[in-house]
Amino acid sequence: MWLYRYVICSAIVSRLGKFAIVDYNVLGPMVVRDATGVKAVGGLKQRAVLAALLVDAGNVVEFDRLIDLVWDCRPPAKALTSLRAYVANLRRVLGAEDGARLVTTSWGYRLDLGSDRLDMREFEMLATRGREALGRRRFAEADGQFGRALALWRGPALVEFGDLAFAVDERVHLDEVHAVVLESAFEARLQLGRHETVIAEIERALRAAPLREQLWGQLMIALDRSHRTADAVVAFRRAEAVLRTELGVAPSRYLRDIEASLYTGTVNRAVILVAM
């Protein structure tokens, strides 16, 4: 009886692995999992093939372009043969041996997500929803959407693929989206009156990105609302020093206006939005 049950369970797990939703995570080191657990995606080049297809998911990536992306325009003599082997391996790993997920056309490969999940797309979707809620002054909803987006962020996107062009371009884009989502999340929390609890988080964000004036302005407002106006003035001086030292520029009108209002007790209660 136990052997029968073992065989049945093994068959179910195998079938589940083939048809289960695949969860692709590239915000940080690549992790691919389905209902059976984390998948062993292979070595760096094979992972790079998958990553390049994920960046352009739903679209055909031509063979020659994919080779250039993975080998950084310096392909080996038999790059196409290696590429085909990597794709065949990925199909086995992803339970896509029938070609349903990883499609071959006459000129390239296409990775279809279908019901599968890709964290960087989900991140941008949640960011958009958060911005829409913020624009409608639904601050609690915005905070929730931004919080879910930020929870997906385990580190820089596609970090293990270093200077490969497709990874750098996507990383630069997503790093900026992440920075604006963080600023927008702080704004939602300030609008909800959570100025005291957000101060430490803004300070932490400034340690990572000291040139973002939006963060300095939010810190000044949060400090002022926490009855720490003197600290808010000090924060302006810190921002001024950083901007002059690193960029050779004075603080923007945005920061200067907040600083001036600190002395008159008229700090603008609406944090200025930045475009995403």
C-alpha atoms as a PDB file:
ATOM      1  CA  MET A   1       0.000   0.000   0.000  1.00  0.00           C
ATOM      2  CA  TRP A   2       2.778   2.447   0.922  1.00  0.00           C
ATOM      3  CA  LEU A   3       4.484   1.839  -2.424  1.00  0.00           C
ATOM      4  CA  TYR A   4       1.222   2.512  -4.272  1.00  0.00           C
ATOM      5  CA  ARG A   5       0.756   5.764  -2.361  1.00  0.00           C
ATOM      6  CA  TYR A   6       4.355   6.778  -3.049  1.00  0.00           C
ATOM      7  CA  VAL A   7       3.933   6.204  -6.795  1.00  0.00           C
ATOM      8  CA  ILE A   8       0.646   8.137  -6.875  1.00  0.00           C
ATOM      9  CA  CYS A   9       2.086  11.061  -4.885  1.00  0.00           C
ATOM     10  CA  SER A  10       5.173  11.164  -7.088  1.00  0.00           C
ATOM     11  CA  ALA A  11       2.987  11.254 -10.189  1.00  0.00           C
ATOM     12  CA  ILE A  12       0.886  14.079  -8.755  1.00  0.00           C
ATOM     13  CA  VAL A  13       3.963  16.124  -7.830  1.00  0.00           C
ATOM     14  CA  SER A  14       5.455  15.548 -11.263  1.00  0.00           C
ATOM     15  CA  ARG A  15       2.250  16.606 -12.978  1.00  0.00           C
ATOM     16  CA  LEU A  16       1.904  19.598 -10.679  1.00  0.00           C
ATOM     17  CA  GLY A  17       5.415  20.688 -11.503  1.00  0.00           C
ATOM     18  CA  LYS A  18       4.592  20.594 -15.190  1.00  0.00           C
ATOM     19  CA  PHE A  19       1.392  22.604 -15.059  1.00  0.00           C
ATOM     20  CA  ALA A  20       1.816  24.720 -11.894  1.00  0.00           C
ATOM     21  CA  ILE A  21       2.213  28.475 -11.999  1.00  0.00           C
ATOM     22  CA  VAL A  22       5.853  29.501 -12.202  1.00  0.00           C
ATOM     23  CA  ASP A  23       7.013  32.421 -10.086  1.00  0.00           C
ATOM     24  CA  TYR A  24       9.946  34.347 -11.608  1.00  0.00           C
ATOM     25  CA  ASN A  25      11.822  36.637  -9.230  1.00  0.00           C
ATOM     26  CA  VAL A  26      14.541  38.929 -10.565  1.00  0.00           C
ATOM     27  CA  LEU A  27      14.353  41.862  -8.128  1.00  0.00           C
ATOM     28  CA  GLY A  28      17.532  40.677  -6.467  1.00  0.00           C
ATOM     29  CA  PRO A  29      19.255  37.351  -7.233  1.00  0.00           C
ATOM     30  CA  MET A  30      17.177  35.278  -9.653  1.00  0.00           C
ATOM     31  CA  VAL A  31      14.866  32.785  -7.967  1.00  0.00           C
ATOM     32  CA  VAL A  32      12.428  30.620  -9.941  1.00  0.00           C
ATOM     33  CA  ARG A  33       9.907  28.462  -8.122  1.00  0.00           C
ATOM     34  CA  ASP A  34       6.659  26.601  -8.620  1.00  0.00           C
ATOM     35  CA  ALA A  35       4.425  24.518  -6.356  1.00  0.00           C
ATOM     36  CA  THR A  36       7.170  21.893  -5.998  1.00  0.00           C
ATOM     37  CA  GLY A  37       9.745  24.393  -4.747  1.00  0.00           C
ATOM     38  CA  VAL A  38      12.715  26.386  -6.028  1.00  0.00           C
ATOM     39  CA  LYS A  39      13.904  25.333  -9.474  1.00  0.00           C
ATOM     40  CA  ALA A  40      17.570  24.787 -10.335  1.00  0.00           C
ATOM     41  CA  VAL A  41      17.807  27.028 -13.384  1.00  0.00           C
ATOM     42  CA  GLY A  42      21.400  26.176 -14.299  1.00  0.00           C
ATOM     43  CA  GLY A  43      24.637  28.093 -14.756  1.00  0.00           C
ATOM     44  CA  LEU A  44      25.111  31.792 -15.370  1.00  0.00           C
ATOM     45  CA  LYS A  45      24.761  31.703 -19.172  1.00  0.00           C
ATOM     46  CA  GLN A  46      21.601  29.609 -19.032  1.00  0.00           C
ATOM     47  CA  ARG A  47      20.195  31.959 -16.383  1.00  0.00           C
ATOM     48  CA  ALA A  48      21.117  34.911 -18.585  1.00  0.00           C
ATOM     49  CA  VAL A  49      19.103  33.410 -21.445  1.00  0.00           C
ATOM     50  CA  LEU A  50      16.083  33.155 -19.165  1.00  0.00           C
ATOM     51  CA  ALA A  51      16.620  36.665 -17.790  1.00  0.00           C
ATOM     52  CA  ALA A  52      16.868  38.205 -21.272  1.00  0.00           C
ATOM     53  CA  LEU A  53      13.655  36.456 -22.301  1.00  0.00           C
ATOM     54  CA  LEU A  54      11.919  37.613 -19.099  1.00  0.00           C
ATOM     55  CA  VAL A  55      12.870  41.237 -19.717  1.00  0.00           C
ATOM     56  CA  ASP A  56      11.114  40.984 -23.079  1.00  0.00           C
ATOM     57  CA  ALA A  57       8.447  38.479 -21.991  1.00  0.00           C
ATOM     58  CA  GLY A  58       5.621  38.088 -24.496  1.00  0.00           C
ATOM     59  CA  ASN A  59       7.782  39.232 -27.404  1.00  0.00           C
ATOM     60  CA  VAL A  60       9.992  37.258 -29.761  1.00  0.00           C
ATOM     61  CA  VAL A  61      13.698  37.825 -29.162  1.00  0.00           C
ATOM     62  CA  GLU A  62      15.596  37.112 -32.353  1.00  0.00           C
ATOM     63  CA  PHE A  63      18.302  34.438 -32.210  1.00  0.00           C
ATOM     64  CA  ASP A  64      21.120  36.841 -33.122  1.00  0.00           C
ATOM     65  CA  ARG A  65      19.950  39.482 -30.653  1.00  0.00           C
ATOM     66  CA  LEU A  66      19.611  36.955 -27.845  1.00  0.00           C
ATOM     67  CA  ILE A  67      23.145  35.693 -28.538  1.00  0.00           C
ATOM     68  CA  ASP A  68      24.470  39.266 -28.404  1.00  0.00           C
ATOM     69  CA  LEU A  69      22.601  39.925 -25.144  1.00  0.00           C
ATOM     70  CA  VAL A  70      23.873  36.795 -23.419  1.00  0.00           C
ATOM     71  CA  TRP A  71      27.461  36.929 -24.693  1.00  0.00           C
ATOM     72  CA  ASP A  72      27.712  40.719 -24.651  1.00  0.00           C
ATOM     73  CA  CYS A  73      28.320  40.930 -28.421  1.00  0.00           C
ATOM     74  CA  ARG A  74      31.306  38.546 -28.129  1.00  0.00           C
ATOM     75  CA  PRO A  75      29.762  35.152 -28.910  1.00  0.00           C
ATOM     76  CA  PRO A  76      31.752  31.910 -29.179  1.00  0.00           C
ATOM     77  CA  ALA A  77      31.978  30.035 -32.460  1.00  0.00           C
ATOM     78  CA  LYS A  78      29.005  27.761 -31.730  1.00  0.00           C
ATOM     79  CA  ALA A  79      26.824  30.204 -29.838  1.00  0.00           C
ATOM     80  CA  LEU A  80      23.594  29.156 -31.588  1.00  0.00           C
ATOM     81  CA  THR A  81      24.184  25.515 -30.652  1.00  0.00           C
ATOM     82  CA  SER A  82      24.796  26.510 -27.050  1.00  0.00           C
ATOM     83  CA  LEU A  83      21.698  28.720 -27.073  1.00  0.00           C
ATOM     84  CA  ARG A  84      19.521  25.862 -28.300  1.00  0.00           C
ATOM     85  CA  ALA A  85      20.899  23.612 -25.563  1.00  0.00           C
ATOM     86  CA  TYR A  86      20.171  26.238 -22.904  1.00  0.00           C
ATOM     87  CA  VAL A  87      16.606  26.654 -24.141  1.00  0.00           C
ATOM     88  CA  ALA A  88      16.040  22.885 -24.167  1.00  0.00           C
ATOM     89  CA  ASN A  89      17.321  22.709 -20.582  1.00  0.00           C
ATOM     90  CA  LEU A  90      15.102  25.606 -19.515  1.00  0.00           C
ATOM     91  CA  ARG A  91      12.065  23.904 -21.020  1.00  0.00           C
ATOM     92  CA  ARG A  92      12.725  20.838 -18.896  1.00  0.00           C
ATOM     93  CA  VAL A  93      13.237  22.934 -15.763  1.00  0.00           C
ATOM     94  CA  LEU A  94      10.101  25.014 -16.343  1.00  0.00           C
ATOM     95  CA  GLY A  95       7.892  22.086 -17.310  1.00  0.00           C
ATOM     96  CA  ALA A  96       7.577  23.560 -20.787  1.00  0.00           C
ATOM     97  CA  GLU A  97       8.822  20.712 -22.941  1.00  0.00           C
ATOM     98  CA  ASP A  98       5.704  21.027 -25.094  1.00  0.00           C
ATOM     99  CA  GLY A  99       6.800  24.551 -26.054  1.00  0.00           C
ATOM    100  CA  ALA A 100       3.821  26.190 -24.350  1.00  0.00           C
ATOM    101  CA  ARG A 101       5.845  28.518 -22.120  1.00  0.00           C
ATOM    102  CA  LEU A 102       8.998  28.888 -24.173  1.00  0.00           C
ATOM    103  CA  VAL A 103       7.976  29.203 -27.794  1.00  0.00           C
ATOM    104  CA  THR A 104      10.265  28.742 -30.793  1.00  0.00           C
ATOM    105  CA  THR A 105       9.510  30.717 -33.938  1.00  0.00           C
ATOM    106  CA  SER A 106      11.361  30.765 -37.231  1.00  0.00           C
ATOM    107  CA  TRP A 107      13.426  33.741 -36.113  1.00  0.00           C
ATOM    108  CA  GLY A 108      13.706  33.544 -32.313  1.00  0.00           C
ATOM    109  CA  TYR A 109      12.295  32.578 -28.913  1.00  0.00           C
ATOM    110  CA  ARG A 110       9.374  33.973 -26.942  1.00  0.00           C
ATOM    111  CA  LEU A 111       8.680  33.425 -23.245  1.00  0.00           C
ATOM    112  CA  ASP A 112       4.938  33.553 -22.588  1.00  0.00           C
ATOM    113  CA  LEU A 113       3.971  34.298 -19.004  1.00  0.00           C
ATOM    114  CA  GLY A 114       0.307  33.325 -19.221  1.00  0.00           C
ATOM    115  CA  SER A 115      -0.708  32.804 -15.583  1.00  0.00           C
ATOM    116  CA  ASP A 116       2.916  32.798 -14.421  1.00  0.00           C
ATOM    117  CA  ARG A 117       4.186  35.657 -12.250  1.00  0.00           C
ATOM    118  CA  LEU A 118       7.126  37.967 -12.860  1.00  0.00           C
ATOM    119  CA  ASP A 119       8.016  40.129  -9.860  1.00  0.00           C
ATOM    120  CA  MET A 120       9.305  43.122 -11.820  1.00  0.00           C
ATOM    121  CA  ARG A 121       6.051  43.389 -13.767  1.00  0.00           C
ATOM    122  CA  GLU A 122       4.028  42.997 -10.592  1.00  0.00           C
ATOM    123  CA  PHE A 123       6.215  45.663  -8.973  1.00  0.00           C
ATOM    124  CA  GLU A 124       5.463  48.179 -11.728  1.00  0.00           C
ATOM    125  CA  MET A 125       1.756  47.297 -11.727  1.00  0.00           C
ATOM    126  CA  LEU A 126       1.506  47.892  -7.959  1.00  0.00           C
ATOM    127  CA  ALA A 127       3.488  51.115  -8.318  1.00  0.00           C
ATOM    128  CA  THR A 128       1.033  52.371 -10.935  1.00  0.00           C
ATOM    129  CA  ARG A 129      -1.955  51.489  -8.772  1.00  0.00           C
ATOM    130  CA  GLY A 130      -0.359  53.250  -5.825  1.00  0.00           C
ATOM    131  CA  ARG A 131       0.252  56.413  -7.822  1.00  0.00           C
ATOM    132  CA  GLU A 132      -3.343  56.372  -9.069  1.00  0.00           C
ATOM    133  CA  ALA A 133      -4.658  56.023  -5.509  1.00  0.00           C
ATOM    134  CA  LEU A 134      -2.339  58.805  -4.347  1.00  0.00           C
ATOM    135  CA  GLY A 135      -3.624  61.061  -7.104  1.00  0.00           C
ATOM    136  CA  ARG A 136      -7.186  60.425  -5.889  1.00  0.00           C
ATOM    137  CA  ARG A 137      -6.081  61.208  -2.300  1.00  0.00           C
ATOM    138  CA  ARG A 138      -6.849  57.664  -1.179  1.00  0.00           C
ATOM    139  CA  PHE A 139      -3.768  57.590   0.996  1.00  0.00           C
ATOM    140  CA  ALA A 140      -4.362  54.353   2.903  1.00  0.00           C
ATOM    141  CA  GLU A 141      -4.934  52.469  -0.343  1.00  0.00           C
ATOM    142  CA  ALA A 142      -1.832  54.062  -1.866  1.00  0.00           C
ATOM    143  CA  ASP A 143       0.247  53.095   1.169  1.00  0.00           C
ATOM    144  CA  GLY A 144      -0.946  49.500   0.852  1.00  0.00           C
ATOM    145  CA  GLN A 145      -0.105  49.272  -2.848  1.00  0.00           C
ATOM    146  CA  PHE A 146       3.335  50.831  -2.350  1.00  0.00           C
ATOM    147  CA  GLY A 147       3.991  48.541   0.598  1.00  0.00           C
ATOM    148  CA  ARG A 148       3.220  45.455  -1.480  1.00  0.00           C
ATOM    149  CA  ALA A 149       5.454  46.731  -4.272  1.00  0.00           C
ATOM    150  CA  LEU A 150       8.370  47.411  -1.937  1.00  0.00           C
ATOM    151  CA  ALA A 151       7.979  43.985  -0.312  1.00  0.00           C
ATOM    152  CA  LEU A 152       8.893  42.431  -3.678  1.00  0.00           C
ATOM    153  CA  TRP A 153      12.220  44.269  -3.756  1.00  0.00           C
ATOM    154  CA  ARG A 154      15.028  42.005  -2.528  1.00  0.00           C
ATOM    155  CA  GLY A 155      17.787  44.084  -4.103  1.00  0.00           C
ATOM    156  CA  PRO A 156      18.866  45.573  -7.451  1.00  0.00           C
ATOM    157  CA  ALA A 157      17.181  43.919 -10.423  1.00  0.00           C
ATOM    158  CA  LEU A 158      19.090  41.243 -12.349  1.00  0.00           C
ATOM    159  CA  VAL A 159      22.063  41.870 -10.079  1.00  0.00           C
ATOM    160  CA  GLU A 160      23.912  38.660 -10.931  1.00  0.00           C
ATOM    161  CA  PHE A 161      24.179  39.596 -14.610  1.00  0.00           C
ATOM    162  CA  GLY A 162      26.532  42.476 -13.926  1.00  0.00           C
ATOM    163  CA  ASP A 163      27.325  44.675 -16.914  1.00  0.00           C
ATOM    164  CA  LEU A 164      25.354  42.777 -19.544  1.00  0.00           C
ATOM    165  CA  ALA A 165      23.550  45.518 -21.473  1.00  0.00           C
ATOM    166  CA  PHE A 166      20.026  44.146 -21.084  1.00  0.00           C
ATOM    167  CA  ALA A 167      20.516  43.833 -17.317  1.00  0.00           C
ATOM    168  CA  VAL A 168      22.025  47.311 -16.905  1.00  0.00           C
ATOM    169  CA  ASP A 169      19.235  49.006 -18.874  1.00  0.00           C
ATOM    170  CA  GLU A 170      16.491  47.250 -16.911  1.00  0.00           C
ATOM    171  CA  ARG A 171      18.287  47.806 -13.605  1.00  0.00           C
ATOM    172  CA  VAL A 172      18.631  51.559 -14.207  1.00  0.00           C
ATOM    173  CA  HIS A 173      14.936  51.808 -15.081  1.00  0.00           C
ATOM    174  CA  LEU A 174      13.744  49.758 -12.110  1.00  0.00           C
ATOM    175  CA  ASP A 175      16.102  51.483  -9.659  1.00  0.00           C
ATOM    176  CA  GLU A 176      14.484  54.791 -10.582  1.00  0.00           C
ATOM    177  CA  VAL A 177      10.974  53.342 -10.274  1.00  0.00           C
ATOM    178  CA  HIS A 178      11.938  51.907  -6.883  1.00  0.00           C
ATOM    179  CA  ALA A 179      13.255  55.291  -5.704  1.00  0.00           C
ATOM    180  CA  VAL A 180      10.059  57.073  -6.746  1.00  0.00           C
ATOM    181  CA  VAL A 181       7.868  54.367  -5.189  1.00  0.00           C
ATOM    182  CA  LEU A 182       9.766  54.830  -1.927  1.00  0.00           C
ATOM    183  CA  GLU A 183       9.257  58.599  -2.050  1.00  0.00           C
ATOM    184  CA  SER A 184       5.583  58.148  -2.910  1.00  0.00           C
ATOM    185  CA  ALA A 185       5.150  55.705  -0.024  1.00  0.00           C
ATOM    186  CA  PHE A 186       6.638  58.288   2.343  1.00  0.00           C
ATOM    187  CA  GLU A 187       4.251  60.875   0.973  1.00  0.00           C
ATOM    188  CA  ALA A 188       1.235  58.648   1.569  1.00  0.00           C
ATOM    189  CA  ARG A 189       2.367  58.040   5.140  1.00  0.00           C
ATOM    190  CA  LEU A 190       2.937  61.732   5.758  1.00  0.00           C
ATOM    191  CA  GLN A 191      -0.560  62.444   4.486  1.00  0.00           C
ATOM    192  CA  LEU A 192      -1.847  59.792   6.904  1.00  0.00           C
ATOM    193  CA  GLY A 193      -0.146  61.600   9.793  1.00  0.00           C
ATOM    194  CA  ARG A 194       2.617  59.047  10.344  1.00  0.00           C
ATOM    195  CA  HIS A 195       5.326  61.698  10.353  1.00  0.00           C
ATOM    196  CA  GLU A 196       7.117  60.503  13.497  1.00  0.00           C
ATOM    197  CA  THR A 197       7.404  56.867  12.402  1.00  0.00           C
ATOM    198  CA  VAL A 198       8.575  57.716   8.899  1.00  0.00           C
ATOM    199  CA  ILE A 199      11.603  59.818   9.920  1.00  0.00           C
ATOM    200  CA  ALA A 200      13.960  56.872  10.471  1.00  0.00           C
ATOM    201  CA  GLU A 201      12.894  55.299   7.164  1.00  0.00           C
ATOM    202  CA  ILE A 202      13.569  58.511   5.247  1.00  0.00           C
ATOM    203  CA  GLU A 203      16.977  58.833   6.904  1.00  0.00           C
ATOM    204  CA  ARG A 204      17.779  55.257   5.840  1.00  0.00           C
ATOM    205  CA  ALA A 205      16.705  56.024   2.261  1.00  0.00           C
ATOM    206  CA  LEU A 206      18.899  59.150   2.263  1.00  0.00           C
ATOM    207  CA  ARG A 207      21.944  57.125   3.263  1.00  0.00           C
ATOM    208  CA  ALA A 208      21.448  55.134   0.060  1.00  0.00           C
ATOM    209  CA  ALA A 209      20.485  58.113  -2.136  1.00  0.00           C
ATOM    210  CA  PRO A 210      21.733  61.392  -0.591  1.00  0.00           C
ATOM    211  CA  LEU A 211      21.225  63.431  -3.776  1.00  0.00           C
ATOM    212  CA  ARG A 212      17.434  62.974  -3.983  1.00  0.00           C
ATOM    213  CA  GLU A 213      15.979  66.315  -2.970  1.00  0.00           C
ATOM    214  CA  GLN A 214      12.483  64.879  -2.647  1.00  0.00           C
ATOM    215  CA  LEU A 215      13.676  62.799   0.295  1.00  0.00           C
ATOM    216  CA  TRP A 216      15.307  65.787   1.982  1.00  0.00           C
ATOM    217  CA  GLY A 217      12.092  67.772   1.626  1.00  0.00           C
ATOM    218  CA  GLN A 218      10.056  64.923   3.079  1.00  0.00           C
ATOM    219  CA  LEU A 219      12.483  64.634   5.991  1.00  0.00           C
ATOM    220  CA  MET A 220      12.194  68.356   6.725  1.00  0.00           C
ATOM    221  CA  ILE A 221       8.389  68.197   6.642  1.00  0.00           C
ATOM    222  CA  ALA A 222       8.285  65.061   8.822  1.00  0.00           C
ATOM    223  CA  LEU A 223      10.596  66.666  11.390  1.00  0.00           C
ATOM    224  CA  ASP A 224       8.613  69.896  11.444  1.00  0.00           C
ATOM    225  CA  ARG A 225       5.335  68.032  11.933  1.00  0.00           C
ATOM    226  CA  SER A 226       6.967  66.134  14.792  1.00  0.00           C
ATOM    227  CA  HIS A 227       7.678  69.462  16.563  1.00  0.00           C
ATOM    228  CA  ARG A 228      11.355  69.226  15.652  1.00  0.00           C
ATOM    229  CA  THR A 229      11.666  72.379  13.583  1.00  0.00           C
ATOM    230  CA  ALA A 230      15.269  72.986  14.630  1.00  0.00           C
ATOM    231  CA  ASP A 231      16.168  69.508  13.346  1.00  0.00           C
ATOM    232  CA  ALA A 232      14.333  70.287  10.107  1.00  0.00           C
ATOM    233  CA  VAL A 233      16.539  73.370   9.637  1.00  0.00           C
ATOM    234  CA  VAL A 234      19.613  71.205  10.275  1.00  0.00           C
ATOM    235  CA  ALA A 235      18.340  68.737   7.655  1.00  0.00           C
ATOM    236  CA  PHE A 236      18.204  71.573   5.118  1.00  0.00           C
ATOM    237  CA  ARG A 237      21.810  72.500   5.939  1.00  0.00           C
ATOM    238  CA  ARG A 238      22.836  68.874   5.510  1.00  0.00           C
ATOM    239  CA  ALA A 239      21.088  68.712   2.130  1.00  0.00           C
ATOM    240  CA  GLU A 240      22.722  71.973   1.046  1.00  0.00           C
ATOM    241  CA  ALA A 241      26.181  70.697   1.982  1.00  0.00           C
ATOM    242  CA  VAL A 242      25.704  67.409   0.118  1.00  0.00           C
ATOM    243  CA  LEU A 243      24.382  69.088  -3.031  1.00  0.00           C
ATOM    244  CA  ARG A 244      27.148  71.688  -3.116  1.00  0.00           C
ATOM    245  CA  THR A 245      29.886  69.140  -2.426  1.00  0.00           C
ATOM    246  CA  GLU A 246      28.705  66.395  -4.774  1.00  0.00           C
ATOM    247  CA  LEU A 247      27.061  68.368  -7.601  1.00  0.00           C
ATOM    248  CA  GLY A 248      28.265  71.927  -7.156  1.00  0.00           C
ATOM    249  CA  VAL A 249      24.683  73.230  -7.083  1.00  0.00           C
ATOM    250  CA  ALA A 250      22.453  75.003  -4.586  1.00  0.00           C
ATOM    251  CA  PRO A 251      19.264  73.399  -3.248  1.00  0.00           C
ATOM    252  CA  SER A 252      16.257  73.600  -5.561  1.00  0.00           C
ATOM    253  CA  ARG A 253      13.344  75.998  -5.168  1.00  0.00           C
ATOM    254  CA  TYR A 254      11.413  73.087  -3.637  1.00  0.00           C
ATOM    255  CA  LEU A 255      13.831  72.783  -0.710  1.00  0.00           C
ATOM    256  CA  ARG A 256      14.359  76.524  -0.334  1.00  0.00           C
ATOM    257  CA  ASP A 257      10.604  77.098  -0.075  1.00  0.00           C
ATOM    258  CA  ILE A 258      10.287  74.454   2.642  1.00  0.00           C
ATOM    259  CA  GLU A 259      13.235  75.974   4.506  1.00  0.00           C
ATOM    260  CA  ALA A 260      11.719  79.465   4.354  1.00  0.00           C
ATOM    261  CA  SER A 261       8.385  78.175   5.643  1.00  0.00           C
ATOM    262  CA  LEU A 262      10.100  76.580   8.655  1.00  0.00           C
ATOM    263  CA  TYR A 263      10.842  80.046  10.026  1.00  0.00           C
ATOM    264  CA  THR A 264       7.259  81.253   9.585  1.00  0.00           C
ATOM    265  CA  GLY A 265       5.489  78.098  10.722  1.00  0.00           C
ATOM    266  CA  THR A 266       3.769  77.695   7.354  1.00  0.00           C
ATOM    267  CA  VAL A 267       5.286  74.482   6.032  1.00  0.00           C
ATOM    268  CA  ASN A 268       3.204  73.308   3.104  1.00  0.00           C
ATOM    269  CA  ARG A 269       1.104  70.378   4.267  1.00  0.00           C
ATOM    270  CA  ALA A 270       1.060  68.741   0.816  1.00  0.00           C
ATOM    271  CA  VAL A 271       4.278  67.025  -0.157  1.00  0.00           C
ATOM    272  CA  ILE A 272       5.214  67.843  -3.726  1.00  0.00           C
ATOM    273  CA  LEU A 273       4.865  64.865  -6.049  1.00  0.00           C
ATOM    274  CA  VAL A 274       7.516  63.751  -8.476  1.00  0.00           C
ATOM    275  CA  ALA A 275       6.635  62.158 -11.804  1.00  0.00           C
ATOM    276  CA  MET A 276       7.038  58.398 -12.161  1.00  0.00           C
END
